[in-house]
Amino acid sequence: MTAVTAFRIIRSMTPVNLRVRELREARGWSQRELARRAGVRAATVSHLESGKAKSAGFETLEKLAAALGCDPGYLIVKSGGTR
């Protein structure tokens, strides 16, 4: 991977992409496990983490946050926030 490619990937990632993945991996869960616990489709988690999903509804974010044990706002703010 070139530096330019890495920059494009990082630039395309939003706090939601990064935070969902970070919290999921910290718990040792697969995307499928998070989806099961949150009551959403595995594809939803995959698309959100990969950046394929350009947005997510608040209901989805609430479900993911509840499963991950954090405040929904933590998933969407640029820095700081309450877990």
N, C-alpha and C. Protein backbone atom coordinates (compact mmCIF):
# COMPACT_ATOMS: atom_id res chain seq x y z
N MET A 1 0.85 -1.17 0.00
CA MET A 1 0.00 0.00 0.00
C MET A 1 0.90 1.23 0.00
N THR A 2 0.60 2.15 -0.88
CA THR A 2 1.38 3.39 -0.93
C THR A 2 0.88 4.37 0.12
N ALA A 3 1.68 5.39 0.38
CA ALA A 3 1.29 6.42 1.36
C ALA A 3 0.04 7.15 0.90
N VAL A 4 -0.08 7.38 -0.40
CA VAL A 4 -1.26 8.07 -0.93
C VAL A 4 -2.51 7.22 -0.72
N THR A 5 -2.41 5.93 -0.98
CA THR A 5 -3.54 5.04 -0.77
C THR A 5 -3.92 5.01 0.71
N ALA A 6 -2.95 4.90 1.58
CA ALA A 6 -3.22 4.89 3.02
C ALA A 6 -3.90 6.18 3.45
N PHE A 7 -3.45 7.32 2.92
CA PHE A 7 -4.05 8.60 3.25
C PHE A 7 -5.51 8.63 2.82
N ARG A 8 -5.79 8.14 1.63
CA ARG A 8 -7.18 8.13 1.13
C ARG A 8 -8.06 7.26 2.00
N ILE A 9 -7.55 6.13 2.43
CA ILE A 9 -8.33 5.24 3.28
C ILE A 9 -8.60 5.91 4.62
N ILE A 10 -7.58 6.47 5.24
CA ILE A 10 -7.75 7.12 6.53
C ILE A 10 -8.68 8.31 6.42
N ARG A 11 -8.51 9.11 5.37
CA ARG A 11 -9.34 10.30 5.19
C ARG A 11 -10.81 9.92 5.02
N SER A 12 -11.09 8.76 4.41
CA SER A 12 -12.47 8.36 4.18
C SER A 12 -13.13 7.80 5.43
N MET A 13 -12.35 7.50 6.45
CA MET A 13 -12.91 6.92 7.66
C MET A 13 -13.43 8.02 8.57
N THR A 14 -14.63 7.85 9.03
CA THR A 14 -15.24 8.78 9.97
C THR A 14 -15.07 8.24 11.37
N PRO A 15 -15.34 9.05 12.37
CA PRO A 15 -15.28 8.52 13.74
C PRO A 15 -16.15 7.29 13.92
N VAL A 16 -17.31 7.24 13.26
CA VAL A 16 -18.19 6.07 13.42
C VAL A 16 -17.46 4.82 12.95
N ASN A 17 -16.83 4.87 11.76
CA ASN A 17 -16.12 3.69 11.25
C ASN A 17 -15.08 3.23 12.27
N LEU A 18 -14.28 4.18 12.70
CA LEU A 18 -13.17 3.85 13.59
C LEU A 18 -13.64 3.40 14.96
N ARG A 19 -14.60 4.10 15.52
CA ARG A 19 -15.03 3.79 16.88
C ARG A 19 -15.78 2.47 16.97
N VAL A 20 -16.64 2.19 16.02
CA VAL A 20 -17.35 0.91 16.05
C VAL A 20 -16.35 -0.23 15.96
N ARG A 21 -15.41 -0.12 15.03
CA ARG A 21 -14.40 -1.18 14.87
C ARG A 21 -13.55 -1.30 16.14
N GLU A 22 -13.10 -0.17 16.67
CA GLU A 22 -12.25 -0.18 17.87
C GLU A 22 -12.96 -0.85 19.05
N LEU A 23 -14.20 -0.46 19.30
CA LEU A 23 -14.94 -1.02 20.43
C LEU A 23 -15.27 -2.50 20.21
N ARG A 24 -15.62 -2.84 18.97
CA ARG A 24 -15.94 -4.24 18.65
C ARG A 24 -14.71 -5.12 18.86
N GLU A 25 -13.58 -4.69 18.32
CA GLU A 25 -12.36 -5.48 18.43
C GLU A 25 -11.87 -5.56 19.88
N ALA A 26 -12.07 -4.51 20.66
CA ALA A 26 -11.67 -4.53 22.07
C ALA A 26 -12.44 -5.60 22.85
N ARG A 27 -13.63 -5.91 22.38
CA ARG A 27 -14.44 -6.95 23.03
C ARG A 27 -14.17 -8.34 22.43
N GLY A 28 -13.37 -8.38 21.36
CA GLY A 28 -13.06 -9.66 20.73
C GLY A 28 -14.21 -10.21 19.91
N TRP A 29 -15.10 -9.34 19.47
CA TRP A 29 -16.27 -9.75 18.71
C TRP A 29 -16.01 -9.66 17.21
N SER A 30 -16.63 -10.55 16.49
CA SER A 30 -16.66 -10.44 15.03
C SER A 30 -17.75 -9.43 14.65
N GLN A 31 -17.77 -9.04 13.41
CA GLN A 31 -18.84 -8.16 12.94
C GLN A 31 -20.19 -8.85 13.10
N ARG A 32 -20.21 -10.14 12.83
CA ARG A 32 -21.46 -10.91 12.96
C ARG A 32 -21.94 -10.93 14.41
N GLU A 33 -21.01 -11.07 15.36
CA GLU A 33 -21.39 -11.08 16.77
C GLU A 33 -21.95 -9.73 17.21
N LEU A 34 -21.31 -8.65 16.79
CA LEU A 34 -21.84 -7.32 17.12
C LEU A 34 -23.23 -7.15 16.52
N ALA A 35 -23.40 -7.55 15.29
CA ALA A 35 -24.70 -7.43 14.63
C ALA A 35 -25.77 -8.22 15.41
N ARG A 36 -25.43 -9.41 15.84
CA ARG A 36 -26.38 -10.24 16.60
C ARG A 36 -26.77 -9.54 17.89
N ARG A 37 -25.77 -9.04 18.62
CA ARG A 37 -26.03 -8.39 19.91
C ARG A 37 -26.81 -7.08 19.74
N ALA A 38 -26.59 -6.39 18.62
CA ALA A 38 -27.25 -5.11 18.39
C ALA A 38 -28.61 -5.26 17.70
N GLY A 39 -28.85 -6.43 17.13
CA GLY A 39 -30.11 -6.64 16.42
C GLY A 39 -30.15 -5.94 15.06
N VAL A 40 -28.97 -5.90 14.42
CA VAL A 40 -28.89 -5.34 13.07
C VAL A 40 -28.28 -6.40 12.15
N ARG A 41 -28.32 -6.15 10.87
CA ARG A 41 -27.74 -7.11 9.92
C ARG A 41 -26.21 -7.04 9.97
N ALA A 42 -25.56 -8.16 9.74
CA ALA A 42 -24.10 -8.19 9.69
C ALA A 42 -23.58 -7.28 8.58
N ALA A 43 -24.32 -7.21 7.48
CA ALA A 43 -23.93 -6.33 6.38
C ALA A 43 -23.93 -4.87 6.81
N THR A 44 -24.82 -4.51 7.72
CA THR A 44 -24.87 -3.14 8.21
C THR A 44 -23.57 -2.80 8.93
N VAL A 45 -23.12 -3.68 9.79
CA VAL A 45 -21.86 -3.46 10.51
C VAL A 45 -20.70 -3.42 9.53
N SER A 46 -20.65 -4.35 8.61
CA SER A 46 -19.58 -4.40 7.63
C SER A 46 -19.51 -3.13 6.80
N HIS A 47 -20.65 -2.70 6.28
CA HIS A 47 -20.69 -1.50 5.45
C HIS A 47 -20.35 -0.25 6.25
N LEU A 48 -20.79 -0.20 7.48
CA LEU A 48 -20.48 0.96 8.32
C LEU A 48 -18.98 1.03 8.60
N GLU A 49 -18.38 -0.08 8.97
CA GLU A 49 -16.95 -0.09 9.28
C GLU A 49 -16.08 0.15 8.05
N SER A 50 -16.50 -0.34 6.91
CA SER A 50 -15.68 -0.20 5.70
C SER A 50 -15.87 1.14 5.00
N GLY A 51 -16.89 1.87 5.39
CA GLY A 51 -17.15 3.15 4.76
C GLY A 51 -18.08 3.05 3.56
N LYS A 52 -18.55 1.84 3.25
CA LYS A 52 -19.50 1.69 2.14
C LYS A 52 -20.82 2.37 2.46
N ALA A 53 -21.19 2.35 3.73
CA ALA A 53 -22.41 3.05 4.15
C ALA A 53 -22.05 4.51 4.35
N LYS A 54 -22.71 5.39 3.64
CA LYS A 54 -22.43 6.81 3.73
C LYS A 54 -23.08 7.44 4.95
N SER A 55 -24.08 6.75 5.51
CA SER A 55 -24.75 7.26 6.70
C SER A 55 -25.39 6.08 7.43
N ALA A 56 -25.76 6.35 8.66
CA ALA A 56 -26.47 5.34 9.45
C ALA A 56 -27.56 6.07 10.22
N GLY A 57 -28.70 5.44 10.32
CA GLY A 57 -29.80 6.05 11.06
C GLY A 57 -29.51 6.07 12.55
N PHE A 58 -30.16 6.99 13.25
CA PHE A 58 -29.92 7.11 14.68
C PHE A 58 -30.34 5.83 15.41
N GLU A 59 -31.40 5.19 14.95
CA GLU A 59 -31.85 3.95 15.58
C GLU A 59 -30.75 2.88 15.50
N THR A 60 -30.10 2.79 14.35
CA THR A 60 -29.00 1.83 14.18
C THR A 60 -27.85 2.19 15.11
N LEU A 61 -27.49 3.48 15.16
CA LEU A 61 -26.41 3.91 16.05
C LEU A 61 -26.75 3.63 17.51
N GLU A 62 -28.01 3.84 17.90
CA GLU A 62 -28.42 3.54 19.27
C GLU A 62 -28.26 2.06 19.58
N LYS A 63 -28.65 1.21 18.65
CA LYS A 63 -28.53 -0.24 18.85
C LYS A 63 -27.07 -0.66 18.97
N LEU A 64 -26.23 -0.12 18.08
CA LEU A 64 -24.81 -0.46 18.13
C LEU A 64 -24.18 0.04 19.43
N ALA A 65 -24.51 1.27 19.81
CA ALA A 65 -23.96 1.84 21.04
C ALA A 65 -24.38 1.02 22.26
N ALA A 66 -25.64 0.61 22.31
CA ALA A 66 -26.11 -0.20 23.44
C ALA A 66 -25.35 -1.52 23.52
N ALA A 67 -25.16 -2.15 22.37
CA ALA A 67 -24.43 -3.42 22.35
C ALA A 67 -22.97 -3.22 22.75
N LEU A 68 -22.40 -2.08 22.37
CA LEU A 68 -20.99 -1.80 22.66
C LEU A 68 -20.78 -1.16 24.03
N GLY A 69 -21.88 -0.83 24.70
CA GLY A 69 -21.79 -0.26 26.04
C GLY A 69 -21.30 1.17 26.08
N CYS A 70 -21.69 1.96 25.08
CA CYS A 70 -21.28 3.37 25.05
C CYS A 70 -22.46 4.25 24.70
N ASP A 71 -22.27 5.53 24.87
CA ASP A 71 -23.28 6.51 24.50
C ASP A 71 -23.28 6.65 22.97
N PRO A 72 -24.45 6.77 22.33
CA PRO A 72 -24.48 6.94 20.88
C PRO A 72 -23.66 8.13 20.41
N GLY A 73 -23.62 9.19 21.19
CA GLY A 73 -22.85 10.37 20.82
C GLY A 73 -21.37 10.08 20.69
N TYR A 74 -20.87 9.13 21.47
CA TYR A 74 -19.45 8.77 21.40
C TYR A 74 -19.07 8.26 20.01
N LEU A 75 -20.02 7.60 19.35
CA LEU A 75 -19.74 7.04 18.03
C LEU A 75 -19.64 8.09 16.94
N ILE A 76 -20.21 9.27 17.17
CA ILE A 76 -20.28 10.24 16.08
C ILE A 76 -19.48 11.52 16.29
N VAL A 77 -18.98 11.77 17.50
CA VAL A 77 -18.21 13.01 17.69
C VAL A 77 -16.79 12.82 17.20
N LYS A 78 -16.16 13.92 16.80
CA LYS A 78 -14.80 13.84 16.25
C LYS A 78 -13.75 13.51 17.29
N SER A 79 -13.91 14.03 18.49
CA SER A 79 -12.94 13.72 19.54
C SER A 79 -13.63 13.83 20.88
N GLY A 80 -13.04 13.15 21.87
CA GLY A 80 -13.62 13.18 23.20
C GLY A 80 -14.89 12.37 23.26
N GLY A 81 -15.85 12.82 24.03
CA GLY A 81 -17.11 12.12 24.15
C GLY A 81 -17.09 11.15 25.31
N THR A 82 -18.25 10.67 25.65
CA THR A 82 -18.42 9.77 26.78
C THR A 82 -18.65 8.36 26.29
N ARG A 83 -17.90 7.44 26.80
CA ARG A 83 -18.12 6.05 26.46
C ARG A 83 -19.28 5.59 27.25
